[in-house]
N, C-alpha and C. Protein backbone atom coordinates (compact mmCIF):
# COMPACT_ATOMS: atom_id res chain seq x y z
N MET A 1 111.49 78.57 195.26
CA MET A 1 110.65 77.50 195.23
C MET A 1 109.16 77.94 194.73
N LEU A 2 108.72 77.08 193.79
CA LEU A 2 107.33 77.50 193.49
C LEU A 2 106.32 76.87 194.45
N ASN A 3 105.32 77.63 194.59
CA ASN A 3 104.19 77.11 195.65
C ASN A 3 103.19 76.35 194.81
N GLU A 4 103.08 76.57 193.50
CA GLU A 4 102.00 76.05 192.74
C GLU A 4 102.42 74.62 192.17
N THR A 5 101.33 73.67 192.29
CA THR A 5 101.76 72.36 191.81
C THR A 5 101.91 72.14 190.24
N LYS A 6 101.18 73.19 189.52
CA LYS A 6 101.23 73.22 188.18
C LYS A 6 101.27 74.59 187.69
N PRO A 7 102.45 75.32 187.76
CA PRO A 7 102.66 76.63 187.21
C PRO A 7 102.38 76.86 185.81
N GLN A 8 101.63 77.80 185.45
CA GLN A 8 101.48 78.24 184.04
C GLN A 8 102.35 79.22 183.53
N VAL A 9 103.23 78.92 182.76
CA VAL A 9 104.23 79.97 182.22
C VAL A 9 104.05 80.03 180.83
N TRP A 10 103.88 81.15 180.42
CA TRP A 10 103.58 81.66 179.01
C TRP A 10 104.73 82.66 178.58
N ARG A 11 105.01 82.59 177.08
CA ARG A 11 105.99 83.47 176.55
C ARG A 11 105.55 84.00 175.19
N ALA A 12 106.15 84.97 174.81
CA ALA A 12 106.03 85.44 173.36
C ALA A 12 107.43 85.38 172.88
N LEU A 13 107.59 84.63 171.74
CA LEU A 13 108.84 84.40 171.23
C LEU A 13 108.93 84.97 169.78
N VAL A 14 109.91 85.81 169.52
CA VAL A 14 110.01 86.35 168.09
C VAL A 14 110.94 85.31 167.31
N VAL A 15 110.40 85.03 166.20
CA VAL A 15 111.21 84.33 165.21
C VAL A 15 111.66 85.25 164.11
N PHE A 16 112.86 85.35 163.80
CA PHE A 16 113.43 86.21 162.74
C PHE A 16 113.63 85.64 161.49
N THR A 17 113.60 86.26 160.30
CA THR A 17 113.68 85.76 158.93
C THR A 17 114.68 84.66 158.91
N ASP A 18 116.04 84.90 159.60
CA ASP A 18 117.10 83.89 159.51
C ASP A 18 116.96 82.79 160.26
N GLY A 19 115.83 82.62 161.05
CA GLY A 19 115.62 81.48 161.82
C GLY A 19 115.97 81.56 163.36
N SER A 20 116.64 82.74 163.64
CA SER A 20 117.11 83.00 164.99
C SER A 20 115.96 83.44 165.93
N GLU A 21 115.95 83.24 167.25
CA GLU A 21 114.82 83.47 168.05
C GLU A 21 115.33 84.52 169.16
N MET A 22 114.18 85.20 169.63
CA MET A 22 114.52 86.12 170.91
C MET A 22 113.30 86.01 171.84
N LEU A 23 113.41 85.87 173.06
CA LEU A 23 112.41 86.03 174.02
C LEU A 23 111.93 87.40 174.13
N LEU A 24 110.54 87.59 173.86
CA LEU A 24 110.14 88.86 173.82
C LEU A 24 109.28 89.27 175.15
N TYR A 25 108.58 88.43 175.65
CA TYR A 25 107.85 88.63 176.87
C TYR A 25 107.47 87.28 177.63
N LEU A 26 107.40 87.37 178.91
CA LEU A 26 107.16 86.12 179.69
C LEU A 26 106.10 86.44 180.71
N GLY A 27 105.16 85.72 180.82
CA GLY A 27 104.05 85.91 181.77
C GLY A 27 103.33 84.72 182.34
N ARG A 28 102.52 84.82 183.34
CA ARG A 28 101.76 83.66 183.98
C ARG A 28 100.63 83.29 183.25
N SER A 29 100.12 83.99 182.29
CA SER A 29 98.90 83.51 181.61
C SER A 29 99.02 84.12 180.22
N SER A 30 98.06 83.42 179.24
CA SER A 30 98.19 83.73 178.01
C SER A 30 97.55 85.19 177.82
N ALA A 31 96.59 85.49 178.67
CA ALA A 31 96.02 86.89 178.67
C ALA A 31 97.12 88.05 178.93
N GLN A 32 98.04 87.63 180.07
CA GLN A 32 99.05 88.55 180.31
C GLN A 32 100.03 88.72 179.34
N VAL A 33 100.27 87.77 178.61
CA VAL A 33 101.31 87.76 177.31
C VAL A 33 100.70 88.57 176.33
N ARG A 34 99.28 88.28 175.97
CA ARG A 34 98.66 89.06 174.89
C ARG A 34 98.65 90.56 175.24
N ALA A 35 98.58 90.91 176.57
CA ALA A 35 98.43 92.26 177.04
C ALA A 35 99.66 93.02 177.00
N GLY A 36 100.92 92.28 177.10
CA GLY A 36 102.08 92.93 177.20
C GLY A 36 103.03 92.83 176.06
N TYR A 37 102.98 91.96 175.08
CA TYR A 37 103.98 91.62 174.19
C TYR A 37 104.25 92.91 173.22
N GLN A 38 103.12 93.67 172.84
CA GLN A 38 103.16 94.62 171.90
C GLN A 38 104.06 95.80 172.45
N ALA A 39 104.02 96.03 173.78
CA ALA A 39 104.89 97.15 174.22
C ALA A 39 106.26 96.64 174.24
N ALA A 40 106.39 95.36 174.72
CA ALA A 40 107.79 94.79 174.69
C ALA A 40 108.40 94.79 173.22
N PHE A 41 107.53 94.69 172.20
CA PHE A 41 108.10 94.63 170.94
C PHE A 41 108.70 96.01 170.65
N GLN A 42 107.81 97.09 170.91
CA GLN A 42 108.30 98.46 170.72
C GLN A 42 109.51 98.83 171.45
N GLU A 43 109.80 98.44 172.63
CA GLU A 43 110.75 98.73 173.65
C GLU A 43 112.14 98.10 173.39
N LEU A 44 111.97 96.77 173.10
CA LEU A 44 113.16 95.75 173.10
C LEU A 44 113.82 95.73 171.74
N LEU A 45 113.11 95.84 170.69
CA LEU A 45 113.57 95.60 169.31
C LEU A 45 113.89 97.03 168.64
N ASP A 46 114.97 97.03 167.95
CA ASP A 46 115.32 98.19 167.21
C ASP A 46 114.65 98.21 165.85
N ASP A 47 114.85 99.25 165.03
CA ASP A 47 114.25 99.18 163.70
C ASP A 47 114.59 98.07 162.88
N ASP A 48 115.91 97.70 162.90
CA ASP A 48 116.48 96.60 162.07
C ASP A 48 115.83 95.29 162.52
N GLU A 49 115.73 95.01 163.75
CA GLU A 49 115.27 93.71 164.26
C GLU A 49 113.73 93.66 163.91
N ARG A 50 113.03 94.73 163.99
CA ARG A 50 111.57 94.84 163.77
C ARG A 50 111.34 94.44 162.25
N SER A 51 112.21 94.92 161.42
CA SER A 51 111.99 94.67 160.00
C SER A 51 112.32 93.16 159.61
N ARG A 52 112.99 92.46 160.61
CA ARG A 52 113.39 91.11 160.23
C ARG A 52 112.50 90.02 160.95
N VAL A 53 111.46 90.65 161.61
CA VAL A 53 110.48 89.58 162.24
C VAL A 53 109.74 88.81 161.36
N GLN A 54 109.67 87.46 161.50
CA GLN A 54 108.94 86.72 160.53
C GLN A 54 107.60 86.34 161.22
N THR A 55 107.75 85.93 162.55
CA THR A 55 106.45 85.68 163.32
C THR A 55 106.71 85.90 164.73
N ILE A 56 105.58 85.97 165.43
CA ILE A 56 105.81 85.98 167.01
C ILE A 56 104.83 84.82 167.55
N GLN A 57 105.40 83.90 168.27
CA GLN A 57 104.82 82.71 168.78
C GLN A 57 104.50 82.91 170.10
N MET A 58 103.25 82.61 170.59
CA MET A 58 102.89 82.37 171.93
C MET A 58 102.94 80.94 172.28
N GLN A 59 103.83 80.77 173.36
CA GLN A 59 104.07 79.35 173.77
C GLN A 59 103.86 79.31 175.29
N ARG A 60 103.47 77.94 175.53
CA ARG A 60 103.25 77.49 176.96
C ARG A 60 104.16 76.41 177.34
N TRP A 61 104.80 76.58 178.62
CA TRP A 61 105.61 75.63 179.13
C TRP A 61 104.77 74.31 179.53
N HIS A 62 105.19 73.15 179.03
CA HIS A 62 104.56 71.86 179.40
C HIS A 62 105.56 70.83 180.05
N GLY A 63 105.28 70.54 181.19
CA GLY A 63 106.03 69.66 182.00
C GLY A 63 106.40 70.28 183.31
N THR A 64 107.24 69.69 184.02
CA THR A 64 107.65 70.09 185.29
C THR A 64 108.64 71.21 185.17
N PRO A 65 108.95 72.04 186.11
CA PRO A 65 109.73 73.13 186.00
C PRO A 65 111.22 72.76 185.54
N ASP A 66 111.64 71.53 185.88
CA ASP A 66 113.11 71.19 185.59
C ASP A 66 113.10 70.24 184.47
N ALA A 67 111.96 69.72 183.85
CA ALA A 67 111.94 68.76 182.78
C ALA A 67 110.60 69.01 181.88
N GLY A 68 110.81 69.62 180.81
CA GLY A 68 109.65 70.03 180.20
C GLY A 68 110.03 70.66 178.77
N HIS A 69 109.07 71.22 178.06
CA HIS A 69 109.47 71.91 176.85
C HIS A 69 108.29 72.87 176.43
N TRP A 70 108.58 73.82 175.61
CA TRP A 70 107.68 74.90 175.12
C TRP A 70 106.87 74.30 174.01
N ILE A 71 105.58 74.65 174.01
CA ILE A 71 104.65 74.26 173.12
C ILE A 71 103.77 75.49 172.48
N THR A 72 103.93 75.61 171.12
CA THR A 72 103.42 76.80 170.59
C THR A 72 101.75 76.66 170.56
N GLN A 73 101.22 77.64 171.04
CA GLN A 73 99.80 77.70 171.22
C GLN A 73 99.06 78.59 170.34
N ALA A 74 99.80 79.61 169.74
CA ALA A 74 99.08 80.55 168.95
C ALA A 74 100.29 81.43 168.23
N THR A 75 99.94 82.01 167.07
CA THR A 75 100.65 83.05 166.40
C THR A 75 100.14 84.33 166.71
N LEU A 76 100.93 85.18 167.33
CA LEU A 76 100.46 86.61 167.66
C LEU A 76 100.76 87.48 166.41
N SER A 77 99.88 88.63 166.47
CA SER A 77 100.10 89.51 165.38
C SER A 77 101.38 90.31 165.52
N ILE A 78 102.02 90.70 164.53
CA ILE A 78 103.26 91.66 164.43
C ILE A 78 102.81 93.04 164.63
N PRO A 79 103.08 93.67 165.72
CA PRO A 79 102.57 95.03 165.91
C PRO A 79 103.13 95.93 164.90
N LEU A 80 102.21 97.01 164.58
CA LEU A 80 102.62 97.97 163.60
C LEU A 80 103.80 98.83 164.43
N VAL A 81 104.68 99.28 163.62
CA VAL A 81 105.78 100.15 164.06
C VAL A 81 105.26 101.50 164.25
N LYS A 82 105.43 102.08 165.43
CA LYS A 82 105.08 103.38 165.85
C LYS A 82 106.08 104.26 165.26
N LEU A 83 105.64 105.35 164.46
CA LEU A 83 106.59 106.32 164.02
C LEU A 83 106.88 107.41 165.03
N ALA A 84 108.19 107.70 165.12
CA ALA A 84 108.60 108.71 166.01
C ALA A 84 108.09 110.12 165.51
N LYS A 85 107.68 110.91 166.54
CA LYS A 85 107.35 112.29 166.17
C LYS A 85 108.42 113.13 165.78
N THR A 86 108.35 113.76 164.78
CA THR A 86 109.42 114.83 164.40
C THR A 86 109.09 116.17 164.96
N ALA A 87 110.15 116.99 165.23
CA ALA A 87 109.97 118.33 165.68
C ALA A 87 109.55 119.19 164.46
N SER A 88 108.54 120.05 164.69
CA SER A 88 107.95 120.93 163.58
C SER A 88 108.61 122.30 163.71
C-alpha cells in the first residue's frame, strides 16, 4: 500500500524503429530517471537493440495508481555506445 496521497512515478521508455517499446528505467522523480537511464541503456540493451532505438521518452504517471495513464514529459538523449576495451 502506498503511503503517499499523490505518488510521483516516472519512467524512461525506449521506442524502437519498428514501433515496439521497452521499459528502460523506473524512478520516483524526473531527476532520478535522468540520473539512471544512461546506465540502464548500457546494461539492458544489446548492440542490436541499441542500434534500433528511435527515441527515449521520459514519462510521468497521471492519475490514481489503479486508474491513470502515462504522459510523455520529455525526450531524452540517446546515450553514446561505449566501446569495449580490446586486449592489447
